[in-house]
C-alpha atoms as a PDB file:
ATOM      1  CA  UNK A   1     -52.911 -39.245-103.548  1.00  0.00           C
ATOM      2  CA  UNK A   2     -56.366 -39.628-101.374  1.00  0.00           C
ATOM      3  CA  UNK A   3     -54.669 -37.324 -99.221  1.00  0.00           C
ATOM      4  CA  UNK A   4     -54.119 -34.827-101.398  1.00  0.00           C
ATOM      5  CA  UNK A   5     -58.020 -34.891-102.909  1.00  0.00           C
ATOM      6  CA  UNK A   6     -59.106 -35.209 -99.499  1.00  0.00           C
ATOM      7  CA  UNK A   7     -57.653 -31.864 -98.904  1.00  0.00           C
ATOM      8  CA  UNK A   8     -58.101 -29.861-102.209  1.00  0.00           C
ATOM      9  CA  UNK A   9     -61.911 -30.859-101.171  1.00  0.00           C
ATOM     10  CA  UNK A  10     -62.007 -29.168 -97.989  1.00  0.00           C
ATOM     11  CA  UNK A  11     -59.989 -25.980 -98.816  1.00  0.00           C
ATOM     12  CA  UNK A  12     -62.613 -25.668-101.878  1.00  0.00           C
ATOM     13  CA  UNK A  13     -64.968 -26.336 -99.551  1.00  0.00           C
ATOM     14  CA  UNK A  14     -64.158 -23.500 -96.634  1.00  0.00           C
ATOM     15  CA  UNK A  15     -62.946 -21.165-100.105  1.00  0.00           C
ATOM     16  CA  UNK A  16     -66.774 -21.790-101.444  1.00  0.00           C
ATOM     17  CA  UNK A  17     -68.707 -20.875 -98.335  1.00  0.00           C
ATOM     18  CA  UNK A  18     -67.523 -17.333 -98.828  1.00  0.00           C
ATOM     19  CA  UNK A  19     -67.738 -16.326 -95.554  1.00  0.00           C
ATOM     20  CA  UNK A  20     -65.269 -17.850 -93.460  1.00  0.00           C
ATOM     21  CA  UNK A  21     -61.077 -17.226 -93.602  1.00  0.00           C
ATOM     22  CA  UNK A  22     -58.043 -18.558 -91.424  1.00  0.00           C
ATOM     23  CA  UNK A  23     -58.355 -15.211 -89.130  1.00  0.00           C
ATOM     24  CA  UNK A  24     -61.774 -15.824 -87.807  1.00  0.00           C
ATOM     25  CA  UNK A  25     -63.368 -13.386 -90.236  1.00  0.00           C
ATOM     26  CA  UNK A  26     -67.086 -13.979 -91.443  1.00  0.00           C
ATOM     27  CA  UNK A  27     -67.395 -11.564 -94.119  1.00  0.00           C
ATOM     28  CA  UNK A  28     -70.154 -12.789 -96.938  1.00  0.00           C
ATOM     29  CA  UNK A  29     -69.424 -13.102-100.211  1.00  0.00           C
ATOM     30  CA  UNK A  30     -71.247 -10.518-101.050  1.00  0.00           C
ATOM     31  CA  UNK A  31     -69.073  -7.977 -99.623  1.00  0.00           C
ATOM     32  CA  UNK A  32     -66.480  -6.308-101.569  1.00  0.00           C
ATOM     33  CA  UNK A  33     -65.106  -2.887-100.080  1.00  0.00           C
ATOM     34  CA  UNK A  34     -64.362  -1.109 -97.044  1.00  0.00           C
ATOM     35  CA  UNK A  35     -64.571   2.549 -96.888  1.00  0.00           C
ATOM     36  CA  UNK A  36     -62.787   4.297 -93.728  1.00  0.00           C
ATOM     37  CA  UNK A  37     -63.102   8.350 -92.807  1.00  0.00           C
ATOM     38  CA  UNK A  38     -59.866  10.010 -91.102  1.00  0.00           C
ATOM     39  CA  UNK A  39     -60.714   9.411 -87.824  1.00  0.00           C
ATOM     40  CA  UNK A  40     -60.562  13.034 -86.024  1.00  0.00           C
ATOM     41  CA  UNK A  41     -58.763  13.914 -82.810  1.00  0.00           C
ATOM     42  CA  UNK A  42     -61.539  15.432 -80.507  1.00  0.00           C
ATOM     43  CA  UNK A  43     -59.607  14.246 -77.433  1.00  0.00           C
ATOM     44  CA  UNK A  44     -58.413  17.250 -75.000  1.00  0.00           C
ATOM     45  CA  UNK A  45     -54.612  16.419 -75.329  1.00  0.00           C
ATOM     46  CA  UNK A  46     -54.255  15.895 -79.331  1.00  0.00           C
ATOM     47  CA  UNK A  47     -51.401  13.902 -80.520  1.00  0.00           C
ATOM     48  CA  UNK A  48     -50.413  15.310 -84.011  1.00  0.00           C
ATOM     49  CA  UNK A  49     -49.747  11.789 -85.868  1.00  0.00           C
ATOM     50  CA  UNK A  50     -52.446   9.871 -84.018  1.00  0.00           C
ATOM     51  CA  UNK A  51     -55.058  10.611 -85.985  1.00  0.00           C
ATOM     52  CA  UNK A  52     -53.589   9.484 -89.498  1.00  0.00           C
ATOM     53  CA  UNK A  53     -51.749   6.594 -87.937  1.00  0.00           C
ATOM     54  CA  UNK A  54     -54.748   4.773 -86.771  1.00  0.00           C
ATOM     55  CA  UNK A  55     -56.601   5.842 -90.023  1.00  0.00           C
ATOM     56  CA  UNK A  56     -54.066   4.178 -91.875  1.00  0.00           C
ATOM     57  CA  UNK A  57     -53.574   0.788 -89.912  1.00  0.00           C
ATOM     58  CA  UNK A  58     -56.952   0.358 -90.276  1.00  0.00           C
ATOM     59  CA  UNK A  59     -57.134   0.314 -93.829  1.00  0.00           C
ATOM     60  CA  UNK A  60     -53.885  -1.651 -93.464  1.00  0.00           C
ATOM     61  CA  UNK A  61     -55.086  -4.336 -91.428  1.00  0.00           C
ATOM     62  CA  UNK A  62     -58.438  -5.331 -93.453  1.00  0.00           C
ATOM     63  CA  UNK A  63     -56.772  -5.258 -96.526  1.00  0.00           C
ATOM     64  CA  UNK A  64     -54.036  -7.486 -95.160  1.00  0.00           C
ATOM     65  CA  UNK A  65     -56.606 -10.036 -92.997  1.00  0.00           C
ATOM     66  CA  UNK A  66     -59.034  -9.905 -96.173  1.00  0.00           C
ATOM     67  CA  UNK A  67     -60.163  -9.623 -99.619  1.00  0.00           C
ATOM     68  CA  UNK A  68     -61.918  -6.101 -99.290  1.00  0.00           C
ATOM     69  CA  UNK A  69     -60.536  -3.566-101.512  1.00  0.00           C
ATOM     70  CA  UNK A  70     -60.610   0.201 -99.883  1.00  0.00           C
ATOM     71  CA  UNK A  71     -62.788   2.418-101.448  1.00  0.00           C
ATOM     72  CA  UNK A  72     -62.898   6.406-100.538  1.00  0.00           C
ATOM     73  CA  UNK A  73     -67.219   6.281-100.401  1.00  0.00           C
ATOM     74  CA  UNK A  74     -69.374   3.562-100.302  1.00  0.00           C
ATOM     75  CA  UNK A  75     -67.749   0.680 -98.816  1.00  0.00           C
ATOM     76  CA  UNK A  76     -69.955  -2.309 -98.241  1.00  0.00           C
ATOM     77  CA  UNK A  77     -68.347  -1.787 -94.732  1.00  0.00           C
ATOM     78  CA  UNK A  78     -68.057   1.699 -93.272  1.00  0.00           C
ATOM     79  CA  UNK A  79     -65.949   2.849 -90.252  1.00  0.00           C
ATOM     80  CA  UNK A  80     -65.680   6.715 -89.241  1.00  0.00           C
ATOM     81  CA  UNK A  81     -65.001   7.993 -85.901  1.00  0.00           C
ATOM     82  CA  UNK A  82     -63.452  10.341 -83.050  1.00  0.00           C
ATOM     83  CA  UNK A  83     -60.166   9.531 -81.181  1.00  0.00           C
ATOM     84  CA  UNK A  84     -61.745  11.338 -77.913  1.00  0.00           C
ATOM     85  CA  UNK A  85     -59.013  10.259 -75.594  1.00  0.00           C
ATOM     86  CA  UNK A  86     -55.079  10.798 -74.905  1.00  0.00           C
ATOM     87  CA  UNK A  87     -54.315  10.515 -71.884  1.00  0.00           C
ATOM     88  CA  UNK A  88     -51.339  10.011 -69.171  1.00  0.00           C
ATOM     89  CA  UNK A  89     -52.136   9.647 -65.493  1.00  0.00           C
ATOM     90  CA  UNK A  90     -49.833   8.446 -62.909  1.00  0.00           C
ATOM     91  CA  UNK A  91     -50.391   4.955 -61.274  1.00  0.00           C
ATOM     92  CA  UNK A  92     -48.359   2.875 -59.226  1.00  0.00           C
ATOM     93  CA  UNK A  93     -48.115   5.905 -56.276  1.00  0.00           C
ATOM     94  CA  UNK A  94     -45.272   5.472 -54.232  1.00  0.00           C
ATOM     95  CA  UNK A  95     -44.639   5.741 -50.265  1.00  0.00           C
ATOM     96  CA  UNK A  96     -42.734   9.377 -51.158  1.00  0.00           C
ATOM     97  CA  UNK A  97     -46.212  10.199 -53.221  1.00  0.00           C
ATOM     98  CA  UNK A  98     -44.453  10.049 -56.567  1.00  0.00           C
ATOM     99  CA  UNK A  99     -45.666   7.668 -59.469  1.00  0.00           C
ATOM    100  CA  UNK A 100     -43.839   4.440 -60.403  1.00  0.00           C
ATOM    101  CA  UNK A 101     -45.528   4.473 -63.034  1.00  0.00           C
ATOM    102  CA  UNK A 102     -47.420   6.368 -66.046  1.00  0.00           C
ATOM    103  CA  UNK A 103     -50.618   4.948 -68.137  1.00  0.00           C
ATOM    104  CA  UNK A 104     -50.787   6.226 -71.591  1.00  0.00           C
ATOM    105  CA  UNK A 105     -54.374   5.576 -72.474  1.00  0.00           C
ATOM    106  CA  UNK A 106     -55.763   5.878 -76.111  1.00  0.00           C
ATOM    107  CA  UNK A 107     -59.824   5.629 -76.477  1.00  0.00           C
ATOM    108  CA  UNK A 108     -61.580   6.193 -80.119  1.00  0.00           C
ATOM    109  CA  UNK A 109     -65.373   5.961 -80.154  1.00  0.00           C
ATOM    110  CA  UNK A 110     -65.846   3.760 -83.406  1.00  0.00           C
ATOM    111  CA  UNK A 111     -69.427   4.200 -85.673  1.00  0.00           C
ATOM    112  CA  UNK A 112     -69.594   0.955 -87.755  1.00  0.00           C
ATOM    113  CA  UNK A 113     -71.774   0.193 -90.361  1.00  0.00           C
ATOM    114  CA  UNK A 114     -72.366  -2.865 -92.710  1.00  0.00           C
ATOM    115  CA  UNK A 115     -74.393  -2.502 -95.714  1.00  0.00           C
ATOM    116  CA  UNK A 116     -75.082  -5.892 -96.093  1.00  0.00           C
ATOM    117  CA  UNK A 117     -76.066  -7.149 -92.574  1.00  0.00           C
ATOM    118  CA  UNK A 118     -77.379  -3.981 -90.433  1.00  0.00           C
ATOM    119  CA  UNK A 119     -77.780  -6.171 -87.330  1.00  0.00           C
ATOM    120  CA  UNK A 120     -73.674  -5.936 -87.348  1.00  0.00           C
ATOM    121  CA  UNK A 121     -73.365  -1.941 -87.106  1.00  0.00           C
ATOM    122  CA  UNK A 122     -72.557  -0.745 -84.014  1.00  0.00           C
ATOM    123  CA  UNK A 123     -71.593   2.852 -82.557  1.00  0.00           C
ATOM    124  CA  UNK A 124     -69.228   1.302 -79.621  1.00  0.00           C
ATOM    125  CA  UNK A 125     -65.622   3.028 -77.637  1.00  0.00           C
ATOM    126  CA  UNK A 126     -62.314   1.151 -77.603  1.00  0.00           C
ATOM    127  CA  UNK A 127     -59.966   2.036 -75.309  1.00  0.00           C
ATOM    128  CA  UNK A 128     -56.251   0.717 -74.623  1.00  0.00           C
ATOM    129  CA  UNK A 129     -53.529   1.732 -72.647  1.00  0.00           C
ATOM    130  CA  UNK A 130     -50.078   0.845 -71.839  1.00  0.00           C
ATOM    131  CA  UNK A 131     -48.119   1.079 -68.863  1.00  0.00           C
ATOM    132  CA  UNK A 132     -44.015   2.789 -68.889  1.00  0.00           C
ATOM    133  CA  UNK A 133     -41.986   4.016 -66.037  1.00  0.00           C
ATOM    134  CA  UNK A 134     -42.002   7.352 -64.513  1.00  0.00           C
ATOM    135  CA  UNK A 135     -38.464   7.766 -65.205  1.00  0.00           C
ATOM    136  CA  UNK A 136     -39.114   7.817 -68.861  1.00  0.00           C
ATOM    137  CA  UNK A 137     -39.759  10.842 -70.762  1.00  0.00           C
ATOM    138  CA  UNK A 138     -43.216   9.806 -72.649  1.00  0.00           C
ATOM    139  CA  UNK A 139     -41.269  12.278 -75.757  1.00  0.00           C
ATOM    140  CA  UNK A 140     -38.569   8.952 -75.929  1.00  0.00           C
ATOM    141  CA  UNK A 141     -40.871   6.412 -75.753  1.00  0.00           C
ATOM    142  CA  UNK A 142     -44.469   8.079 -77.203  1.00  0.00           C
ATOM    143  CA  UNK A 143     -44.020   6.615 -80.593  1.00  0.00           C
ATOM    144  CA  UNK A 144     -43.586   3.088 -78.908  1.00  0.00           C
ATOM    145  CA  UNK A 145     -46.382   3.361 -76.899  1.00  0.00           C
ATOM    146  CA  UNK A 146     -49.045   4.887 -79.836  1.00  0.00           C
ATOM    147  CA  UNK A 147     -47.551   1.909 -82.358  1.00  0.00           C
ATOM    148  CA  UNK A 148     -48.788  -1.170 -79.399  1.00  0.00           C
ATOM    149  CA  UNK A 149     -51.892   0.976 -78.138  1.00  0.00           C
ATOM    150  CA  UNK A 150     -53.114   1.529 -81.655  1.00  0.00           C
ATOM    151  CA  UNK A 151     -52.628  -2.548 -82.937  1.00  0.00           C
ATOM    152  CA  UNK A 152     -54.816  -3.506 -80.374  1.00  0.00           C
ATOM    153  CA  UNK A 153     -57.188  -0.874 -81.395  1.00  0.00           C
ATOM    154  CA  UNK A 154     -57.136  -1.733 -84.355  1.00  0.00           C
ATOM    155  CA  UNK A 155     -57.294  -5.618 -83.791  1.00  0.00           C
ATOM    156  CA  UNK A 156     -60.175  -4.774 -81.082  1.00  0.00           C
ATOM    157  CA  UNK A 157     -62.324  -2.700 -83.831  1.00  0.00           C
ATOM    158  CA  UNK A 158     -61.574  -5.460 -86.927  1.00  0.00           C
ATOM    159  CA  UNK A 159     -62.915  -8.445 -84.615  1.00  0.00           C
ATOM    160  CA  UNK A 160     -66.126  -6.758 -83.237  1.00  0.00           C
ATOM    161  CA  UNK A 161     -66.468  -5.845 -87.024  1.00  0.00           C
ATOM    162  CA  UNK A 162     -66.145  -9.040 -88.926  1.00  0.00           C
ATOM    163  CA  UNK A 163     -65.521 -12.340 -86.191  1.00  0.00           C
ATOM    164  CA  UNK A 164     -68.689 -10.905 -84.073  1.00  0.00           C
ATOM    165  CA  UNK A 165     -66.729 -11.298 -80.531  1.00  0.00           C
END
C-alpha cells in the first residue's frame, strides 16, 4: 500500500508541474495550442506530396506526443516553413565511374515562435537524407524514403522546439 501511495504522489508531482513529460518535452502549462502553417515547397525539384506529408506529420506528432490542440491560427506555438531542398545526388562512385548509391536529401527551413517564451523562438534549417542503391529506381522507393526522412525531420523539429536540445 505504501508503494502505491508513493507512486501516486510521484505521478501527481510530475503531472502537477505541467512542464515535464515522458518524451522529454518541456511545455509550460500555459501553452495550450499549436498552429502549423502549410509548408511551402520552394525546392528546385518539386515532389508533389511532400508539403502535405511534412505539414500533417508535424501536426500529428505534436498531437500524439503532447496535450496541445491544433489551432488554425494564433496558436501558442507557431510553425511555418519552406521545403528548400529535394535533391538526389550520386555517392559511392565505383571504379567504372558509376554511382554505387544515390542519396535523397530533404531540407526544410523552419520559423518557430513560442508566445509563452520568446527566448525559445528560432529560425533554422533542418536537413536529413537517406541513401539507396543506384540499381533501384527512385520512383519505386520514393514514398518509403520520404516517410523515413520526414519522420526524422519532424522529430528534429519537435526536439528543437520543445525538448530544447
